Amino acid sequence: MWASGIRRFDVAVTYWVGGGTDDKFGTADNWSNGVPGTGDVAVINDSAVDILAEDYATAFGELRIGSGFTGSIGVVPADGEVALSVTCDTVVIDTSANAYIDATATLVTIEKSAHGDDAIRLTGDVTTLRVLGARGTVVLGEAAALSVDDLEILGGRTAVVEIQSLTTLAAAPVSMDEGRLEIHGMAVAATGRFDLIGGHLDLYGGSFDTATMEVWGRFVVRDYRDTNSTIGTINVYSGTWNGTSATADTLTISTLRLYDGAIFDERNGLLNYIYSNGVHFAGSGTFRAATSRKITEAS
């Protein structure tokens, strides 16, 4: 009996050896078994070369970047490209090297990254993006567009994931249990569910008109938004929403529910939070009201 999830042995594996006359991904002599083709696994590990930005058009199976790689990928522009562009089923990044990758992939897993503000830059079209252990910042959708159908930030206590204005989450679920997520903007409004269990969300921008944010026990949301926007539903389950630094004129929340141990702090001096359907208490939550907020109790 064969267990599911075990790698097949009928695929070709080709290793980066850097024997070519240039440092391009698409140069055959840079690979032990030639450039990766359909179904192949490309492994970059034992090298310190700066692999140039390039649009590699041939689809292949997997790209694996190991901890033995200490150069960079796609950081050095070439042929007008500003990232290594690949189409493959899976990308696994487990390296202290900087990598700028434009990926069309079913799964991208980031297990480790370099330190720094732009350790990994990711653009392209990704079904599932899983960040497990970055040590620096993973920048999404800044230099070019990125579409993600499922975002998971799991077990990466030192991970920082930065969502920029060319990122599309749309209805994608977002799950997070450690690290920090910064949302600076989005290409279109997010409409999915944010399960925020542990870590921090720093909210600088973005649109969440019909999205639902579930804020759990150890999670802290820090709201820095300076542009008017709306969030569909916020449920705070013993987590904290800190709105003391929000400076927009109006920040609308369609539905806000506070459960036992929840804290919602709107005290920024501007009285700018608007609760379309009021504030609902489902336990002993704490609502820290702005000065001059008029509160009436509804039965």
C-alpha atoms as a PDB file:
ATOM      1  CA  MET A   1       0.000   0.000   0.000  1.00  0.00           C
ATOM      2  CA  TRP A   2       1.279   3.457  -0.909  1.00  0.00           C
ATOM      3  CA  ALA A   3       0.699   6.352   1.462  1.00  0.00           C
ATOM      4  CA  SER A   4      -0.657   9.551  -0.016  1.00  0.00           C
ATOM      5  CA  GLY A   5       1.693  12.518   0.071  1.00  0.00           C
ATOM      6  CA  ILE A   6       4.868  10.469  -0.607  1.00  0.00           C
ATOM      7  CA  ARG A   7       6.887  11.896  -3.496  1.00  0.00           C
ATOM      8  CA  ARG A   8       6.841   9.904  -6.726  1.00  0.00           C
ATOM      9  CA  PHE A   9      10.116   8.440  -7.936  1.00  0.00           C
ATOM     10  CA  ASP A  10       9.352   8.682 -11.649  1.00  0.00           C
ATOM     11  CA  VAL A  11      10.021  12.427 -11.861  1.00  0.00           C
ATOM     12  CA  ALA A  12      13.335  13.963 -12.844  1.00  0.00           C
ATOM     13  CA  VAL A  13      15.263  16.009 -10.293  1.00  0.00           C
ATOM     14  CA  THR A  14      17.668  18.627 -11.557  1.00  0.00           C
ATOM     15  CA  TYR A  15      20.067  20.495  -9.267  1.00  0.00           C
ATOM     16  CA  TRP A  16      21.490  23.973  -9.711  1.00  0.00           C
ATOM     17  CA  VAL A  17      25.234  23.585 -10.327  1.00  0.00           C
ATOM     18  CA  GLY A  18      25.977  26.963 -11.880  1.00  0.00           C
ATOM     19  CA  GLY A  19      28.155  25.691 -14.693  1.00  0.00           C
ATOM     20  CA  GLY A  20      26.850  27.988 -17.406  1.00  0.00           C
ATOM     21  CA  THR A  21      28.289  31.159 -18.892  1.00  0.00           C
ATOM     22  CA  ASP A  22      25.668  33.264 -17.092  1.00  0.00           C
ATOM     23  CA  ASP A  23      23.566  33.043 -13.919  1.00  0.00           C
ATOM     24  CA  LYS A  24      20.181  32.575 -15.570  1.00  0.00           C
ATOM     25  CA  PHE A  25      17.613  30.040 -14.429  1.00  0.00           C
ATOM     26  CA  GLY A  26      16.926  29.091 -18.053  1.00  0.00           C
ATOM     27  CA  THR A  27      20.525  28.186 -18.997  1.00  0.00           C
ATOM     28  CA  ALA A  28      20.831  24.403 -19.382  1.00  0.00           C
ATOM     29  CA  ASP A  29      24.457  24.175 -18.213  1.00  0.00           C
ATOM     30  CA  ASN A  30      23.495  25.652 -14.857  1.00  0.00           C
ATOM     31  CA  TRP A  31      21.576  22.444 -14.041  1.00  0.00           C
ATOM     32  CA  SER A  32      22.738  18.893 -13.371  1.00  0.00           C
ATOM     33  CA  ASN A  33      20.051  17.431 -15.659  1.00  0.00           C
ATOM     34  CA  GLY A  34      19.247  20.429 -17.817  1.00  0.00           C
ATOM     35  CA  VAL A  35      16.550  23.026 -17.235  1.00  0.00           C
ATOM     36  CA  PRO A  36      13.413  21.781 -15.461  1.00  0.00           C
ATOM     37  CA  GLY A  37      10.593  20.591 -17.697  1.00  0.00           C
ATOM     38  CA  THR A  38       7.127  19.098 -17.281  1.00  0.00           C
ATOM     39  CA  GLY A  39       6.782  17.422 -13.876  1.00  0.00           C
ATOM     40  CA  ASP A  40      10.436  17.971 -12.943  1.00  0.00           C
ATOM     41  CA  VAL A  41      11.727  19.030  -9.543  1.00  0.00           C
ATOM     42  CA  ALA A  42      14.235  21.909  -9.582  1.00  0.00           C
ATOM     43  CA  VAL A  43      16.462  22.134  -6.479  1.00  0.00           C
ATOM     44  CA  ILE A  44      18.596  25.165  -5.630  1.00  0.00           C
ATOM     45  CA  ASN A  45      20.722  24.481  -2.571  1.00  0.00           C
ATOM     46  CA  ASP A  46      24.517  24.323  -2.588  1.00  0.00           C
ATOM     47  CA  SER A  47      25.345  27.677  -4.168  1.00  0.00           C
ATOM     48  CA  ALA A  48      26.113  31.309  -3.396  1.00  0.00           C
ATOM     49  CA  VAL A  49      25.281  32.632  -6.880  1.00  0.00           C
ATOM     50  CA  ASP A  50      22.907  35.540  -7.496  1.00  0.00           C
ATOM     51  CA  ILE A  51      20.433  33.937  -9.905  1.00  0.00           C
ATOM     52  CA  LEU A  52      19.166  36.640 -12.240  1.00  0.00           C
ATOM     53  CA  ALA A  53      15.609  37.849 -12.696  1.00  0.00           C
ATOM     54  CA  GLU A  54      14.099  36.085 -15.698  1.00  0.00           C
ATOM     55  CA  ASP A  55      10.790  35.007 -17.215  1.00  0.00           C
ATOM     56  CA  TYR A  56      11.152  31.223 -17.371  1.00  0.00           C
ATOM     57  CA  ALA A  57       8.251  30.136 -19.553  1.00  0.00           C
ATOM     58  CA  THR A  58       8.409  26.310 -19.285  1.00  0.00           C
ATOM     59  CA  ALA A  59       6.028  24.857 -16.680  1.00  0.00           C
ATOM     60  CA  PHE A  60       7.518  22.251 -14.319  1.00  0.00           C
ATOM     61  CA  GLY A  61       6.643  20.372 -11.130  1.00  0.00           C
ATOM     62  CA  GLU A  62       8.409  21.837  -8.100  1.00  0.00           C
ATOM     63  CA  LEU A  63      10.889  24.544  -7.173  1.00  0.00           C
ATOM     64  CA  ARG A  64      12.741  23.857  -3.915  1.00  0.00           C
ATOM     65  CA  ILE A  65      15.159  26.414  -2.479  1.00  0.00           C
ATOM     66  CA  GLY A  66      17.166  24.892   0.384  1.00  0.00           C
ATOM     67  CA  SER A  67      19.044  26.226   3.377  1.00  0.00           C
ATOM     68  CA  GLY A  68      22.392  25.649   1.656  1.00  0.00           C
ATOM     69  CA  PHE A  69      21.655  28.425  -0.841  1.00  0.00           C
ATOM     70  CA  THR A  70      23.227  31.734   0.226  1.00  0.00           C
ATOM     71  CA  GLY A  71      23.010  33.835  -2.943  1.00  0.00           C
ATOM     72  CA  SER A  72      19.845  35.560  -4.134  1.00  0.00           C
ATOM     73  CA  ILE A  73      17.066  34.804  -6.608  1.00  0.00           C
ATOM     74  CA  GLY A  74      15.527  37.377  -8.922  1.00  0.00           C
ATOM     75  CA  VAL A  75      16.938  40.296  -6.927  1.00  0.00           C
ATOM     76  CA  VAL A  76      19.317  41.333  -9.729  1.00  0.00           C
ATOM     77  CA  PRO A  77      17.262  42.642 -12.712  1.00  0.00           C
ATOM     78  CA  ALA A  78      17.931  41.164 -16.145  1.00  0.00           C
ATOM     79  CA  ASP A  79      16.240  41.418 -19.545  1.00  0.00           C
ATOM     80  CA  GLY A  80      13.728  43.892 -18.139  1.00  0.00           C
ATOM     81  CA  GLU A  81      12.553  41.439 -15.467  1.00  0.00           C
ATOM     82  CA  VAL A  82      12.474  42.333 -11.768  1.00  0.00           C
ATOM     83  CA  ALA A  83      11.836  38.826 -10.394  1.00  0.00           C
ATOM     84  CA  LEU A  84      12.305  35.193 -11.322  1.00  0.00           C
ATOM     85  CA  SER A  85       9.025  34.266 -13.004  1.00  0.00           C
ATOM     86  CA  VAL A  86       8.074  30.559 -12.850  1.00  0.00           C
ATOM     87  CA  THR A  87       5.056  28.335 -13.412  1.00  0.00           C
ATOM     88  CA  CYS A  88       5.030  25.162 -11.317  1.00  0.00           C
ATOM     89  CA  ASP A  89       2.827  23.153  -8.981  1.00  0.00           C
ATOM     90  CA  THR A  90       4.777  23.820  -5.787  1.00  0.00           C
ATOM     91  CA  VAL A  91       7.359  26.294  -4.497  1.00  0.00           C
ATOM     92  CA  VAL A  92       9.169  25.628  -1.201  1.00  0.00           C
ATOM     93  CA  ILE A  93      11.459  28.331   0.208  1.00  0.00           C
ATOM     94  CA  ASP A  94      13.738  27.343   3.107  1.00  0.00           C
ATOM     95  CA  THR A  95      16.714  29.664   2.799  1.00  0.00           C
ATOM     96  CA  SER A  96      18.408  32.668   4.369  1.00  0.00           C
ATOM     97  CA  ALA A  97      18.859  34.149   0.886  1.00  0.00           C
ATOM     98  CA  ASN A  98      16.744  36.966  -0.528  1.00  0.00           C
ATOM     99  CA  ALA A  99      14.272  35.862  -3.196  1.00  0.00           C
ATOM    100  CA  TYR A 100      12.044  37.881  -5.537  1.00  0.00           C
ATOM    101  CA  ILE A 101       9.690  35.408  -7.226  1.00  0.00           C
ATOM    102  CA  ASP A 102       6.708  35.795  -9.530  1.00  0.00           C
ATOM    103  CA  ALA A 103       4.983  32.420  -9.194  1.00  0.00           C
ATOM    104  CA  THR A 104       2.018  30.817 -10.856  1.00  0.00           C
ATOM    105  CA  ALA A 105       1.637  27.915  -8.444  1.00  0.00           C
ATOM    106  CA  THR A 106      -0.852  25.771  -6.545  1.00  0.00           C
ATOM    107  CA  LEU A 107       1.131  25.943  -3.290  1.00  0.00           C
ATOM    108  CA  VAL A 108       3.883  28.253  -2.081  1.00  0.00           C
ATOM    109  CA  THR A 109       5.383  27.361   1.314  1.00  0.00           C
ATOM    110  CA  ILE A 110       7.841  29.654   3.065  1.00  0.00           C
ATOM    111  CA  GLU A 111       9.643  27.704   5.776  1.00  0.00           C
ATOM    112  CA  LYS A 112      12.518  30.120   6.371  1.00  0.00           C
ATOM    113  CA  SER A 113      13.713  33.444   5.037  1.00  0.00           C
ATOM    114  CA  ALA A 114      16.507  35.961   5.347  1.00  0.00           C
ATOM    115  CA  HIS A 115      16.392  38.728   7.922  1.00  0.00           C
ATOM    116  CA  GLY A 116      15.466  42.167   6.630  1.00  0.00           C
ATOM    117  CA  ASP A 117      12.603  44.278   5.329  1.00  0.00           C
ATOM    118  CA  ASP A 118      12.348  42.591   1.926  1.00  0.00           C
ATOM    119  CA  ALA A 119      13.610  39.061   2.494  1.00  0.00           C
ATOM    120  CA  ILE A 120      11.054  37.612   0.085  1.00  0.00           C
ATOM    121  CA  ARG A 121       8.962  39.443  -2.480  1.00  0.00           C
ATOM    122  CA  LEU A 122       6.153  37.433  -4.024  1.00  0.00           C
ATOM    123  CA  THR A 123       3.899  38.250  -6.967  1.00  0.00           C
ATOM    124  CA  GLY A 124       1.894  36.121  -9.398  1.00  0.00           C
ATOM    125  CA  ASP A 125      -1.094  33.792  -8.957  1.00  0.00           C
ATOM    126  CA  VAL A 126      -0.995  31.418  -5.976  1.00  0.00           C
ATOM    127  CA  THR A 127      -3.761  29.112  -4.801  1.00  0.00           C
ATOM    128  CA  THR A 128      -2.413  28.576  -1.266  1.00  0.00           C
ATOM    129  CA  LEU A 129       0.319  30.654   0.369  1.00  0.00           C
ATOM    130  CA  ARG A 130       1.628  29.124   3.599  1.00  0.00           C
ATOM    131  CA  VAL A 131       4.120  31.050   5.743  1.00  0.00           C
ATOM    132  CA  LEU A 132       5.593  28.804   8.439  1.00  0.00           C
ATOM    133  CA  GLY A 133       8.853  30.342   9.582  1.00  0.00           C
ATOM    134  CA  ALA A 134      10.070  33.577   8.019  1.00  0.00           C
ATOM    135  CA  ARG A 135      12.674  35.597   9.958  1.00  0.00           C
ATOM    136  CA  GLY A 136      12.294  38.733   7.855  1.00  0.00           C
ATOM    137  CA  THR A 137       9.509  40.391   5.897  1.00  0.00           C
ATOM    138  CA  VAL A 138       7.532  38.612   3.187  1.00  0.00           C
ATOM    139  CA  VAL A 139       6.238  41.361   0.879  1.00  0.00           C
ATOM    140  CA  LEU A 140       3.152  40.510  -1.179  1.00  0.00           C
ATOM    141  CA  GLY A 141       1.937  42.304  -4.297  1.00  0.00           C
ATOM    142  CA  GLU A 142       4.075  45.423  -4.277  1.00  0.00           C
ATOM    143  CA  ALA A 143       6.090  45.535  -7.527  1.00  0.00           C
ATOM    144  CA  ALA A 144       3.421  43.619  -9.478  1.00  0.00           C
ATOM    145  CA  ALA A 145       0.045  41.966  -8.915  1.00  0.00           C
ATOM    146  CA  LEU A 146      -0.465  38.946  -6.661  1.00  0.00           C
ATOM    147  CA  SER A 147      -3.639  36.878  -6.355  1.00  0.00           C
ATOM    148  CA  VAL A 148      -3.979  34.482  -3.389  1.00  0.00           C
ATOM    149  CA  ASP A 149      -6.912  32.122  -2.784  1.00  0.00           C
ATOM    150  CA  ASP A 150      -5.881  30.980   0.720  1.00  0.00           C
ATOM    151  CA  LEU A 151      -3.388  32.649   3.095  1.00  0.00           C
ATOM    152  CA  GLU A 152      -2.030  30.768   6.125  1.00  0.00           C
ATOM    153  CA  ILE A 153       0.494  32.210   8.609  1.00  0.00           C
ATOM    154  CA  LEU A 154       1.144  29.348  10.998  1.00  0.00           C
ATOM    155  CA  GLY A 155       3.865  28.788  13.582  1.00  0.00           C
ATOM    156  CA  GLY A 156       6.063  31.635  12.361  1.00  0.00           C
ATOM    157  CA  ARG A 157       6.550  33.690  15.516  1.00  0.00           C
ATOM    158  CA  THR A 158       9.108  36.007  13.903  1.00  0.00           C
ATOM    159  CA  ALA A 159       7.358  36.167  10.531  1.00  0.00           C
ATOM    160  CA  VAL A 160       6.191  39.502   9.136  1.00  0.00           C
ATOM    161  CA  VAL A 161       3.835  39.321   6.145  1.00  0.00           C
ATOM    162  CA  GLU A 162       3.210  42.637   4.400  1.00  0.00           C
ATOM    163  CA  ILE A 163       0.233  42.949   2.048  1.00  0.00           C
ATOM    164  CA  GLN A 164       0.616  45.762  -0.460  1.00  0.00           C
ATOM    165  CA  SER A 165      -1.866  47.466  -2.786  1.00  0.00           C
ATOM    166  CA  LEU A 166      -1.513  45.115  -5.779  1.00  0.00           C
ATOM    167  CA  THR A 167      -2.579  42.072  -3.741  1.00  0.00           C
ATOM    168  CA  THR A 168      -5.956  40.435  -4.345  1.00  0.00           C
ATOM    169  CA  LEU A 169      -7.374  38.269  -1.554  1.00  0.00           C
ATOM    170  CA  ALA A 170     -11.054  38.643  -2.552  1.00  0.00           C
ATOM    171  CA  ALA A 171     -12.877  35.747  -0.830  1.00  0.00           C
ATOM    172  CA  ALA A 172      -9.685  34.063   0.380  1.00  0.00           C
ATOM    173  CA  PRO A 173      -9.733  32.777   3.971  1.00  0.00           C
ATOM    174  CA  VAL A 174      -6.887  34.127   6.106  1.00  0.00           C
ATOM    175  CA  SER A 175      -5.655  32.023   9.052  1.00  0.00           C
ATOM    176  CA  MET A 176      -3.023  33.212  11.511  1.00  0.00           C
ATOM    177  CA  ASP A 177      -1.699  31.907  14.834  1.00  0.00           C
ATOM    178  CA  GLU A 178       1.666  33.707  15.230  1.00  0.00           C
ATOM    179  CA  GLY A 179       3.766  36.495  13.729  1.00  0.00           C
ATOM    180  CA  ARG A 180       2.638  39.846  12.351  1.00  0.00           C
ATOM    181  CA  LEU A 181       0.428  40.631   9.377  1.00  0.00           C
ATOM    182  CA  GLU A 182       0.545  44.161   7.978  1.00  0.00           C
ATOM    183  CA  ILE A 183      -2.160  45.218   5.530  1.00  0.00           C
ATOM    184  CA  HIS A 184      -1.200  48.396   3.664  1.00  0.00           C
ATOM    185  CA  GLY A 185      -3.683  48.102   0.795  1.00  0.00           C
ATOM    186  CA  MET A 186      -5.468  45.734  -1.578  1.00  0.00           C
ATOM    187  CA  ALA A 187      -6.349  45.674  -5.253  1.00  0.00           C
ATOM    188  CA  VAL A 188      -9.985  44.759  -4.512  1.00  0.00           C
ATOM    189  CA  ALA A 189     -12.060  44.465  -1.334  1.00  0.00           C
ATOM    190  CA  ALA A 190     -11.525  41.387   0.817  1.00  0.00           C
ATOM    191  CA  THR A 191     -14.759  39.459   1.369  1.00  0.00           C
ATOM    192  CA  GLY A 192     -13.507  36.336   3.136  1.00  0.00           C
ATOM    193  CA  ARG A 193     -13.022  35.297   6.757  1.00  0.00           C
ATOM    194  CA  PHE A 194     -10.006  36.263   8.852  1.00  0.00           C
ATOM    195  CA  ASP A 195      -9.328  33.743  11.660  1.00  0.00           C
ATOM    196  CA  LEU A 196      -6.900  35.664  13.877  1.00  0.00           C
ATOM    197  CA  ILE A 197      -5.840  33.376  16.729  1.00  0.00           C
ATOM    198  CA  GLY A 198      -2.359  34.542  17.760  1.00  0.00           C
ATOM    199  CA  GLY A 199       0.035  37.324  16.790  1.00  0.00           C
ATOM    200  CA  HIS A 200      -0.700  40.836  15.532  1.00  0.00           C
ATOM    201  CA  LEU A 201      -2.560  42.474  12.669  1.00  0.00           C
ATOM    202  CA  ASP A 202      -1.399  46.001  11.870  1.00  0.00           C
ATOM    203  CA  LEU A 203      -4.115  47.579   9.753  1.00  0.00           C
ATOM    204  CA  TYR A 204      -2.925  50.522   7.622  1.00  0.00           C
ATOM    205  CA  GLY A 205      -5.310  50.200   4.678  1.00  0.00           C
ATOM    206  CA  GLY A 206      -7.399  47.831   2.606  1.00  0.00           C
ATOM    207  CA  SER A 207     -11.105  47.345   2.043  1.00  0.00           C
ATOM    208  CA  PHE A 208     -13.187  44.746   3.916  1.00  0.00           C
ATOM    209  CA  ASP A 209     -16.788  45.694   3.162  1.00  0.00           C
ATOM    210  CA  THR A 210     -18.292  42.229   3.675  1.00  0.00           C
ATOM    211  CA  ALA A 211     -15.362  40.452   5.325  1.00  0.00           C
ATOM    212  CA  THR A 212     -15.581  38.834   8.767  1.00  0.00           C
ATOM    213  CA  MET A 213     -12.739  39.222  11.270  1.00  0.00           C
ATOM    214  CA  GLU A 214     -12.633  36.735  14.141  1.00  0.00           C
ATOM    215  CA  VAL A 215     -10.216  37.995  16.831  1.00  0.00           C
ATOM    216  CA  TRP A 216      -9.291  35.312  19.358  1.00  0.00           C
ATOM    217  CA  GLY A 217      -7.542  35.135  22.741  1.00  0.00           C
ATOM    218  CA  ARG A 218      -3.913  36.112  22.161  1.00  0.00           C
ATOM    219  CA  PHE A 219      -4.463  38.238  19.084  1.00  0.00           C
ATOM    220  CA  VAL A 220      -4.068  42.017  18.933  1.00  0.00           C
ATOM    221  CA  VAL A 221      -5.350  44.207  16.082  1.00  0.00           C
ATOM    222  CA  ARG A 222      -3.744  47.655  15.858  1.00  0.00           C
ATOM    223  CA  ASP A 223      -5.757  49.980  13.640  1.00  0.00           C
ATOM    224  CA  TYR A 224      -3.664  52.709  11.960  1.00  0.00           C
ATOM    225  CA  ARG A 225      -6.020  53.445   9.050  1.00  0.00           C
ATOM    226  CA  ASP A 226      -6.073  57.009   7.774  1.00  0.00           C
ATOM    227  CA  THR A 227      -8.557  56.465   4.910  1.00  0.00           C
ATOM    228  CA  ASN A 228     -12.314  55.956   5.292  1.00  0.00           C
ATOM    229  CA  SER A 229     -13.290  52.298   5.029  1.00  0.00           C
ATOM    230  CA  THR A 230     -15.768  49.637   6.142  1.00  0.00           C
ATOM    231  CA  ILE A 231     -15.459  46.217   7.765  1.00  0.00           C
ATOM    232  CA  GLY A 232     -18.439  43.884   7.559  1.00  0.00           C
ATOM    233  CA  THR A 233     -18.292  41.940  10.848  1.00  0.00           C
ATOM    234  CA  ILE A 234     -15.849  41.952  13.760  1.00  0.00           C
ATOM    235  CA  ASN A 235     -16.197  39.295  16.462  1.00  0.00           C
ATOM    236  CA  VAL A 236     -13.749  39.731  19.343  1.00  0.00           C
ATOM    237  CA  TYR A 237     -13.338  36.600  21.474  1.00  0.00           C
ATOM    238  CA  SER A 238     -11.067  37.659  24.359  1.00  0.00           C
ATOM    239  CA  GLY A 239      -8.672  39.323  21.897  1.00  0.00           C
ATOM    240  CA  THR A 240      -7.940  43.049  21.611  1.00  0.00           C
ATOM    241  CA  TRP A 241      -8.803  45.663  18.993  1.00  0.00           C
ATOM    242  CA  ASN A 242      -6.740  48.812  19.521  1.00  0.00           C
ATOM    243  CA  GLY A 243      -8.088  51.744  17.532  1.00  0.00           C
ATOM    244  CA  THR A 244      -6.270  54.500  19.421  1.00  0.00           C
ATOM    245  CA  SER A 245      -4.037  55.331  16.433  1.00  0.00           C
ATOM    246  CA  ALA A 246      -6.724  55.355  13.714  1.00  0.00           C
ATOM    247  CA  THR A 247      -6.970  58.801  12.073  1.00  0.00           C
ATOM    248  CA  ALA A 248      -9.522  58.361   9.257  1.00  0.00           C
ATOM    249  CA  ASP A 249     -12.654  60.516   9.327  1.00  0.00           C
ATOM    250  CA  THR A 250     -15.006  57.514   9.349  1.00  0.00           C
ATOM    251  CA  LEU A 251     -14.331  53.854  10.072  1.00  0.00           C
ATOM    252  CA  THR A 252     -17.550  51.898   9.676  1.00  0.00           C
ATOM    253  CA  ILE A 253     -18.177  48.507  11.255  1.00  0.00           C
ATOM    254  CA  SER A 254     -21.425  46.897  10.169  1.00  0.00           C
ATOM    255  CA  THR A 255     -21.585  44.439  13.086  1.00  0.00           C
ATOM    256  CA  LEU A 256     -19.376  44.416  16.202  1.00  0.00           C
ATOM    257  CA  ARG A 257     -19.705  41.647  18.820  1.00  0.00           C
ATOM    258  CA  LEU A 258     -17.700  41.490  22.039  1.00  0.00           C
ATOM    259  CA  TYR A 259     -17.421  38.218  23.974  1.00  0.00           C
ATOM    260  CA  ASP A 260     -15.975  37.384  27.426  1.00  0.00           C
ATOM    261  CA  GLY A 261     -12.565  38.980  27.890  1.00  0.00           C
ATOM    262  CA  ALA A 262     -12.726  40.994  24.664  1.00  0.00           C
ATOM    263  CA  ILE A 263     -11.359  44.547  24.536  1.00  0.00           C
ATOM    264  CA  PHE A 264     -12.341  47.119  21.912  1.00  0.00           C
ATOM    265  CA  ASP A 265     -10.667  50.513  22.346  1.00  0.00           C
ATOM    266  CA  GLU A 266     -11.839  53.358  20.101  1.00  0.00           C
ATOM    267  CA  ARG A 267     -10.240  56.209  22.088  1.00  0.00           C
ATOM    268  CA  ASN A 268      -8.323  58.184  19.463  1.00  0.00           C
ATOM    269  CA  GLY A 269      -9.910  61.585  20.088  1.00  0.00           C
ATOM    270  CA  LEU A 270     -11.767  61.661  16.760  1.00  0.00           C
ATOM    271  CA  LEU A 271     -15.013  59.774  17.457  1.00  0.00           C
ATOM    272  CA  ASN A 272     -14.514  58.242  14.003  1.00  0.00           C
ATOM    273  CA  TYR A 273     -15.816  54.685  14.492  1.00  0.00           C
ATOM    274  CA  ILE A 274     -19.370  54.141  13.234  1.00  0.00           C
ATOM    275  CA  TYR A 275     -21.297  51.025  14.302  1.00  0.00           C
ATOM    276  CA  SER A 276     -24.065  50.483  11.764  1.00  0.00           C
ATOM    277  CA  ASN A 277     -25.844  47.857  13.839  1.00  0.00           C
ATOM    278  CA  GLY A 278     -24.634  48.918  17.253  1.00  0.00           C
ATOM    279  CA  VAL A 279     -22.255  47.081  19.580  1.00  0.00           C
ATOM    280  CA  HIS A 280     -23.404  43.648  20.729  1.00  0.00           C
ATOM    281  CA  PHE A 281     -22.186  42.124  24.010  1.00  0.00           C
ATOM    282  CA  ALA A 282     -22.225  38.333  24.263  1.00  0.00           C
ATOM    283  CA  GLY A 283     -20.500  38.228  27.654  1.00  0.00           C
ATOM    284  CA  SER A 284     -18.325  40.511  29.754  1.00  0.00           C
ATOM    285  CA  GLY A 285     -16.405  42.251  26.974  1.00  0.00           C
ATOM    286  CA  THR A 286     -14.918  45.723  27.463  1.00  0.00           C
ATOM    287  CA  PHE A 287     -15.767  48.656  25.204  1.00  0.00           C
ATOM    288  CA  ARG A 288     -13.483  51.623  25.822  1.00  0.00           C
ATOM    289  CA  ALA A 289     -15.532  54.482  24.432  1.00  0.00           C
ATOM    290  CA  ALA A 290     -14.203  57.724  23.012  1.00  0.00           C
ATOM    291  CA  THR A 291     -14.760  60.931  24.944  1.00  0.00           C
ATOM    292  CA  SER A 292     -18.230  62.379  24.145  1.00  0.00           C
ATOM    293  CA  ARG A 293     -19.501  59.035  22.832  1.00  0.00           C
ATOM    294  CA  LYS A 294     -23.195  58.859  23.646  1.00  0.00           C
ATOM    295  CA  ILE A 295     -24.181  55.318  24.588  1.00  0.00           C
ATOM    296  CA  THR A 296     -27.734  54.069  24.824  1.00  0.00           C
ATOM    297  CA  GLU A 297     -28.752  50.573  25.832  1.00  0.00           C
ATOM    298  CA  ALA A 298     -31.095  48.664  23.585  1.00  0.00           C
ATOM    299  CA  SER A 299     -33.114  45.725  24.826  1.00  0.00           C
END
